[in-house]
């Protein structure tokens, strides 16, 4: 269980909050979203899946630092 009651309310781990923030930012900015379906042709500007994963991992790190109050 990730959530533990504390003084009558639920507390959440920073990692869980950062993940929710990541989901919001990624959905809003379209990060990690695949391009439009094609008819067999690959767009030259389409990001590779490994690049999208790297972007999401970097974004998660930034979200976690923001939640923890670190501005580095």
PDB file of N, CA and C in Angstrom:
ATOM      1  N   UNK A   1       0.828  -1.174   0.000  1.00  0.00           N
ATOM      2  CA  UNK A   1       0.000   0.000   0.000  1.00  0.00           C
ATOM      3  C   UNK A   1       0.875   1.240   0.000  1.00  0.00           C
ATOM      4  N   UNK A   2       0.622   2.125  -0.938  1.00  0.00           N
ATOM      5  CA  UNK A   2       1.399   3.345  -1.057  1.00  0.00           C
ATOM      6  C   UNK A   2       0.878   4.448  -0.156  1.00  0.00           C
ATOM      7  N   UNK A   3      -0.384   4.389   0.188  1.00  0.00           N
ATOM      8  CA  UNK A   3      -0.968   5.470   0.954  1.00  0.00           C
ATOM      9  C   UNK A   3      -1.181   5.038   2.402  1.00  0.00           C
ATOM     10  N   UNK A   4      -0.814   5.918   3.296  1.00  0.00           N
ATOM     11  CA  UNK A   4      -0.923   5.636   4.727  1.00  0.00           C
ATOM     12  C   UNK A   4      -1.706   6.776   5.367  1.00  0.00           C
ATOM     13  N   UNK A   5      -2.761   6.460   6.133  1.00  0.00           N
ATOM     14  CA  UNK A   5      -3.499   7.541   6.778  1.00  0.00           C
ATOM     15  C   UNK A   5      -2.630   8.256   7.812  1.00  0.00           C
ATOM     16  N   UNK A   6      -2.676   9.570   7.809  1.00  0.00           N
ATOM     17  CA  UNK A   6      -1.916  10.359   8.770  1.00  0.00           C
ATOM     18  C   UNK A   6      -2.811  11.470   9.286  1.00  0.00           C
ATOM     19  N   UNK A   7      -3.120  11.425  10.545  1.00  0.00           N
ATOM     20  CA  UNK A   7      -3.937  12.433  11.209  1.00  0.00           C
ATOM     21  C   UNK A   7      -5.253  12.667  10.475  1.00  0.00           C
ATOM     22  N   UNK A   8      -5.915  11.596  10.088  1.00  0.00           N
ATOM     23  CA  UNK A   8      -7.233  11.705   9.490  1.00  0.00           C
ATOM     24  C   UNK A   8      -7.262  12.011   8.008  1.00  0.00           C
ATOM     25  N   UNK A   9      -6.101  12.088   7.363  1.00  0.00           N
ATOM     26  CA  UNK A   9      -6.082  12.325   5.918  1.00  0.00           C
ATOM     27  C   UNK A   9      -5.093  11.365   5.266  1.00  0.00           C
ATOM     28  N   UNK A  10      -5.151  11.287   3.976  1.00  0.00           N
ATOM     29  CA  UNK A  10      -4.252  10.395   3.239  1.00  0.00           C
ATOM     30  C   UNK A  10      -3.042  11.189   2.762  1.00  0.00           C
ATOM     31  N   UNK A  11      -1.869  10.599   2.912  1.00  0.00           N
ATOM     32  CA  UNK A  11      -0.664  11.220   2.379  1.00  0.00           C
ATOM     33  C   UNK A  11      -0.219  10.425   1.165  1.00  0.00           C
ATOM     34  N   UNK A  12       0.433  11.100   0.263  1.00  0.00           N
ATOM     35  CA  UNK A  12       0.908  10.438  -0.954  1.00  0.00           C
ATOM     36  C   UNK A  12       2.410  10.612  -1.058  1.00  0.00           C
ATOM     37  N   UNK A  13       3.051   9.614  -1.645  1.00  0.00           N
ATOM     38  CA  UNK A  13       4.493   9.691  -1.860  1.00  0.00           C
ATOM     39  C   UNK A  13       4.791  10.702  -2.962  1.00  0.00           C
ATOM     40  N   UNK A  14       5.934  11.346  -2.882  1.00  0.00           N
ATOM     41  CA  UNK A  14       6.349  12.302  -3.903  1.00  0.00           C
ATOM     42  C   UNK A  14       6.401  11.649  -5.278  1.00  0.00           C
ATOM     43  N   UNK A  15       6.814  10.388  -5.334  1.00  0.00           N
ATOM     44  CA  UNK A  15       6.903   9.681  -6.616  1.00  0.00           C
ATOM     45  C   UNK A  15       5.531   9.548  -7.272  1.00  0.00           C
ATOM     46  N   UNK A  16       4.508   9.311  -6.464  1.00  0.00           N
ATOM     47  CA  UNK A  16       3.151   9.186  -7.008  1.00  0.00           C
ATOM     48  C   UNK A  16       2.631  10.530  -7.509  1.00  0.00           C
ATOM     49  N   UNK A  17       2.925  11.575  -6.771  1.00  0.00           N
ATOM     50  CA  UNK A  17       2.507  12.916  -7.183  1.00  0.00           C
ATOM     51  C   UNK A  17       3.230  13.301  -8.472  1.00  0.00           C
ATOM     52  N   UNK A  18       4.529  13.008  -8.540  1.00  0.00           N
ATOM     53  CA  UNK A  18       5.307  13.317  -9.742  1.00  0.00           C
ATOM     54  C   UNK A  18       4.779  12.542 -10.949  1.00  0.00           C
ATOM     55  N   UNK A  19       4.356  11.298 -10.733  1.00  0.00           N
ATOM     56  CA  UNK A  19       3.802  10.506 -11.833  1.00  0.00           C
ATOM     57  C   UNK A  19       2.503  11.116 -12.341  1.00  0.00           C
ATOM     58  N   UNK A  20       1.658  11.569 -11.440  1.00  0.00           N
ATOM     59  CA  UNK A  20       0.416  12.233 -11.855  1.00  0.00           C
ATOM     60  C   UNK A  20       0.719  13.530 -12.613  1.00  0.00           C
ATOM     61  N   UNK A  21       1.716  14.268 -12.146  1.00  0.00           N
ATOM     62  CA  UNK A  21       2.114  15.487 -12.825  1.00  0.00           C
ATOM     63  C   UNK A  21       2.659  15.166 -14.217  1.00  0.00           C
ATOM     64  N   UNK A  22       3.471  14.109 -14.310  1.00  0.00           N
ATOM     65  CA  UNK A  22       3.995  13.671 -15.601  1.00  0.00           C
ATOM     66  C   UNK A  22       2.865  13.343 -16.563  1.00  0.00           C
ATOM     67  N   UNK A  23       1.868  12.610 -16.108  1.00  0.00           N
ATOM     68  CA  UNK A  23       0.737  12.239 -16.960  1.00  0.00           C
ATOM     69  C   UNK A  23       0.011  13.478 -17.469  1.00  0.00           C
ATOM     70  N   UNK A  24      -0.193  14.440 -16.580  1.00  0.00           N
ATOM     71  CA  UNK A  24      -0.887  15.673 -16.965  1.00  0.00           C
ATOM     72  C   UNK A  24      -0.078  16.458 -17.998  1.00  0.00           C
ATOM     73  N   UNK A  25       1.205  16.672 -17.709  1.00  0.00           N
ATOM     74  CA  UNK A  25       2.041  17.459 -18.610  1.00  0.00           C
ATOM     75  C   UNK A  25       2.199  16.749 -19.953  1.00  0.00           C
ATOM     76  N   UNK A  26       2.433  15.441 -19.925  1.00  0.00           N
ATOM     77  CA  UNK A  26       2.614  14.686 -21.164  1.00  0.00           C
ATOM     78  C   UNK A  26       1.349  14.723 -22.022  1.00  0.00           C
ATOM     79  N   UNK A  27       0.192  14.577 -21.387  1.00  0.00           N
ATOM     80  CA  UNK A  27      -1.065  14.610 -22.139  1.00  0.00           C
ATOM     81  C   UNK A  27      -1.332  16.001 -22.697  1.00  0.00           C
ATOM     82  N   UNK A  28      -1.024  17.026 -21.919  1.00  0.00           N
ATOM     83  CA  UNK A  28      -1.260  18.393 -22.352  1.00  0.00           C
ATOM     84  C   UNK A  28      -0.315  18.793 -23.490  1.00  0.00           C
ATOM     85  N   UNK A  29       0.955  18.402 -23.368  1.00  0.00           N
ATOM     86  CA  UNK A  29       1.957  18.797 -24.361  1.00  0.00           C
ATOM     87  C   UNK A  29       2.084  17.794 -25.499  1.00  0.00           C
ATOM     88  N   UNK A  30       1.459  16.625 -25.366  1.00  0.00           N
ATOM     89  CA  UNK A  30       1.548  15.617 -26.416  1.00  0.00           C
ATOM     90  C   UNK A  30       2.868  14.872 -26.418  1.00  0.00           C
ATOM     91  N   UNK A  31       3.586  14.882 -25.300  1.00  0.00           N
ATOM     92  CA  UNK A  31       4.858  14.177 -25.208  1.00  0.00           C
ATOM     93  C   UNK A  31       4.596  12.681 -25.142  1.00  0.00           C
ATOM     94  N   UNK A  32       5.323  11.925 -25.946  1.00  0.00           N
ATOM     95  CA  UNK A  32       5.177  10.476 -25.930  1.00  0.00           C
ATOM     96  C   UNK A  32       4.013   9.965 -26.745  1.00  0.00           C
ATOM     97  N   UNK A  33       3.269  10.862 -27.326  1.00  0.00           N
ATOM     98  CA  UNK A  33       2.118  10.462 -28.136  1.00  0.00           C
ATOM     99  C   UNK A  33       2.602  10.084 -29.527  1.00  0.00           C
ATOM    100  N   UNK A  34       2.150   8.937 -30.035  1.00  0.00           N
ATOM    101  CA  UNK A  34       2.559   8.562 -31.384  1.00  0.00           C
ATOM    102  C   UNK A  34       1.973   9.527 -32.405  1.00  0.00           C
ATOM    103  N   UNK A  35       2.631   9.617 -33.541  1.00  0.00           N
ATOM    104  CA  UNK A  35       2.157  10.489 -34.607  1.00  0.00           C
ATOM    105  C   UNK A  35       0.882   9.946 -35.220  1.00  0.00           C
ATOM    106  N   UNK A  36       0.358  10.666 -36.154  1.00  0.00           N
ATOM    107  CA  UNK A  36      -0.870  10.256 -36.829  1.00  0.00           C
ATOM    108  C   UNK A  36      -0.630   8.952 -37.585  1.00  0.00           C
ATOM    109  N   UNK A  37      -1.643   8.093 -37.648  1.00  0.00           N
ATOM    110  CA  UNK A  37      -1.469   6.849 -38.382  1.00  0.00           C
ATOM    111  C   UNK A  37      -1.139   7.130 -39.843  1.00  0.00           C
ATOM    112  N   UNK A  38      -0.264   6.310 -40.382  1.00  0.00           N
ATOM    113  CA  UNK A  38       0.129   6.516 -41.764  1.00  0.00           C
ATOM    114  C   UNK A  38      -0.345   5.345 -42.614  1.00  0.00           C
ATOM    115  N   UNK A  39      -0.168   5.486 -43.894  1.00  0.00           N
ATOM    116  CA  UNK A  39      -0.586   4.432 -44.821  1.00  0.00           C
ATOM    117  C   UNK A  39       0.604   3.596 -45.250  1.00  0.00           C
ATOM    118  N   UNK A  40       1.536   3.403 -44.350  1.00  0.00           N
ATOM    119  CA  UNK A  40       2.708   2.601 -44.657  1.00  0.00           C
ATOM    120  C   UNK A  40       3.955   3.434 -44.869  1.00  0.00           C
ATOM    121  N   UNK A  41       3.790   4.725 -44.932  1.00  0.00           N
ATOM    122  CA  UNK A  41       4.937   5.607 -45.094  1.00  0.00           C
ATOM    123  C   UNK A  41       5.296   6.188 -43.740  1.00  0.00           C
ATOM    124  N   UNK A  42       6.571   6.259 -43.461  1.00  0.00           N
ATOM    125  CA  UNK A  42       7.036   6.795 -42.187  1.00  0.00           C
ATOM    126  C   UNK A  42       7.454   8.246 -42.395  1.00  0.00           C
ATOM    127  N   UNK A  43       6.913   9.114 -41.587  1.00  0.00           N
ATOM    128  CA  UNK A  43       7.286  10.522 -41.665  1.00  0.00           C
ATOM    129  C   UNK A  43       8.725  10.675 -41.190  1.00  0.00           C
ATOM    130  N   UNK A  44       9.473  11.490 -41.887  1.00  0.00           N
ATOM    131  CA  UNK A  44      10.884  11.645 -41.524  1.00  0.00           C
ATOM    132  C   UNK A  44      11.057  12.378 -40.206  1.00  0.00           C
ATOM    133  N   UNK A  45      10.080  13.179 -39.799  1.00  0.00           N
ATOM    134  CA  UNK A  45      10.194  13.932 -38.560  1.00  0.00           C
ATOM    135  C   UNK A  45       9.621  13.209 -37.351  1.00  0.00           C
ATOM    136  N   UNK A  46       9.119  11.983 -37.533  1.00  0.00           N
ATOM    137  CA  UNK A  46       8.513  11.250 -36.421  1.00  0.00           C
ATOM    138  C   UNK A  46       9.593  10.802 -35.440  1.00  0.00           C
ATOM    139  N   UNK A  47       9.397  11.067 -34.146  1.00  0.00           N
ATOM    140  CA  UNK A  47      10.398  10.645 -33.162  1.00  0.00           C
ATOM    141  C   UNK A  47      10.415   9.131 -33.006  1.00  0.00           C
ATOM    142  N   UNK A  48      11.593   8.596 -32.738  1.00  0.00           N
ATOM    143  CA  UNK A  48      11.740   7.163 -32.513  1.00  0.00           C
ATOM    144  C   UNK A  48      11.167   6.821 -31.141  1.00  0.00           C
ATOM    145  N   UNK A  49      10.685   5.590 -30.970  1.00  0.00           N
ATOM    146  CA  UNK A  49      10.141   5.189 -29.661  1.00  0.00           C
ATOM    147  C   UNK A  49      11.148   5.372 -28.524  1.00  0.00           C
ATOM    148  N   UNK A  50      12.417   5.062 -28.768  1.00  0.00           N
ATOM    149  CA  UNK A  50      13.412   5.202 -27.690  1.00  0.00           C
ATOM    150  C   UNK A  50      13.640   6.668 -27.332  1.00  0.00           C
ATOM    151  N   UNK A  51      13.468   7.563 -28.308  1.00  0.00           N
ATOM    152  CA  UNK A  51      13.568   8.991 -28.010  1.00  0.00           C
ATOM    153  C   UNK A  51      12.384   9.459 -27.167  1.00  0.00           C
ATOM    154  N   UNK A  52      11.203   8.922 -27.473  1.00  0.00           N
ATOM    155  CA  UNK A  52      10.020   9.268 -26.691  1.00  0.00           C
ATOM    156  C   UNK A  52      10.162   8.779 -25.258  1.00  0.00           C
ATOM    157  N   UNK A  53      10.705   7.579 -25.072  1.00  0.00           N
ATOM    158  CA  UNK A  53      10.918   7.045 -23.720  1.00  0.00           C
ATOM    159  C   UNK A  53      11.907   7.919 -22.968  1.00  0.00           C
ATOM    160  N   UNK A  54      12.988   8.311 -23.639  1.00  0.00           N
ATOM    161  CA  UNK A  54      13.983   9.175 -22.995  1.00  0.00           C
ATOM    162  C   UNK A  54      13.356  10.507 -22.578  1.00  0.00           C
ATOM    163  N   UNK A  55      12.490  11.063 -23.432  1.00  0.00           N
ATOM    164  CA  UNK A  55      11.809  12.317 -23.096  1.00  0.00           C
ATOM    165  C   UNK A  55      10.916  12.145 -21.872  1.00  0.00           C
ATOM    166  N   UNK A  56      10.183  11.038 -21.824  1.00  0.00           N
ATOM    167  CA  UNK A  56       9.281  10.798 -20.689  1.00  0.00           C
ATOM    168  C   UNK A  56      10.063  10.605 -19.394  1.00  0.00           C
ATOM    169  N   UNK A  57      11.185   9.878 -19.458  1.00  0.00           N
ATOM    170  CA  UNK A  57      11.997   9.667 -18.257  1.00  0.00           C
ATOM    171  C   UNK A  57      12.600  10.984 -17.767  1.00  0.00           C
ATOM    172  N   UNK A  58      13.065  11.814 -18.692  1.00  0.00           N
ATOM    173  CA  UNK A  58      13.600  13.124 -18.312  1.00  0.00           C
ATOM    174  C   UNK A  58      12.503  13.990 -17.701  1.00  0.00           C
ATOM    175  N   UNK A  59      11.321  13.944 -18.295  1.00  0.00           N
ATOM    176  CA  UNK A  59      10.200  14.722 -17.779  1.00  0.00           C
ATOM    177  C   UNK A  59       9.798  14.241 -16.382  1.00  0.00           C
ATOM    178  N   UNK A  60       9.818  12.923 -16.150  1.00  0.00           N
ATOM    179  CA  UNK A  60       9.493  12.404 -14.821  1.00  0.00           C
ATOM    180  C   UNK A  60      10.503  12.922 -13.792  1.00  0.00           C
ATOM    181  N   UNK A  61      11.769  12.912 -14.147  1.00  0.00           N
ATOM    182  CA  UNK A  61      12.799  13.426 -13.238  1.00  0.00           C
ATOM    183  C   UNK A  61      12.566  14.883 -12.900  1.00  0.00           C
ATOM    184  N   UNK A  62      12.191  15.667 -13.908  1.00  0.00           N
ATOM    185  CA  UNK A  62      11.907  17.083 -13.676  1.00  0.00           C
ATOM    186  C   UNK A  62      10.685  17.255 -12.793  1.00  0.00           C
ATOM    187  N   UNK A  63       9.654  16.432 -13.012  1.00  0.00           N
ATOM    188  CA  UNK A  63       8.440  16.504 -12.183  1.00  0.00           C
ATOM    189  C   UNK A  63       8.762  16.142 -10.737  1.00  0.00           C
ATOM    190  N   UNK A  64       9.566  15.107 -10.546  1.00  0.00           N
ATOM    191  CA  UNK A  64       9.923  14.682  -9.191  1.00  0.00           C
ATOM    192  C   UNK A  64      10.714  15.774  -8.479  1.00  0.00           C
ATOM    193  N   UNK A  65      11.655  16.384  -9.188  1.00  0.00           N
ATOM    194  CA  UNK A  65      12.424  17.482  -8.569  1.00  0.00           C
ATOM    195  C   UNK A  65      11.505  18.647  -8.212  1.00  0.00           C
ATOM    196  N   UNK A  66      10.527  18.935  -9.054  1.00  0.00           N
ATOM    197  CA  UNK A  66       9.595  20.029  -8.780  1.00  0.00           C
ATOM    198  C   UNK A  66       8.751  19.717  -7.545  1.00  0.00           C
ATOM    199  N   UNK A  67       8.291  18.487  -7.423  1.00  0.00           N
ATOM    200  CA  UNK A  67       7.474  18.094  -6.274  1.00  0.00           C
ATOM    201  C   UNK A  67       8.295  18.145  -4.986  1.00  0.00           C
ATOM    202  N   UNK A  68       9.562  17.735  -5.075  1.00  0.00           N
ATOM    203  CA  UNK A  68      10.428  17.732  -3.896  1.00  0.00           C
ATOM    204  C   UNK A  68      10.954  19.117  -3.554  1.00  0.00           C
ATOM    205  N   UNK A  69      10.732  20.085  -4.443  1.00  0.00           N
ATOM    206  CA  UNK A  69      11.174  21.449  -4.177  1.00  0.00           C
ATOM    207  C   UNK A  69      12.593  21.720  -4.628  1.00  0.00           C
ATOM    208  N   UNK A  70      13.172  20.812  -5.402  1.00  0.00           N
ATOM    209  CA  UNK A  70      14.531  21.019  -5.930  1.00  0.00           C
ATOM    210  C   UNK A  70      14.416  21.668  -7.291  1.00  0.00           C
ATOM    211  N   UNK A  71      15.096  22.760  -7.491  1.00  0.00           N
ATOM    212  CA  UNK A  71      15.019  23.466  -8.766  1.00  0.00           C
ATOM    213  C   UNK A  71      16.199  23.183  -9.669  1.00  0.00           C
ATOM    214  N   UNK A  72      16.998  22.200  -9.342  1.00  0.00           N
ATOM    215  CA  UNK A  72      18.209  21.896 -10.124  1.00  0.00           C
ATOM    216  C   UNK A  72      17.858  21.305 -11.453  1.00  0.00           C
TER     217      UNK A  72
END
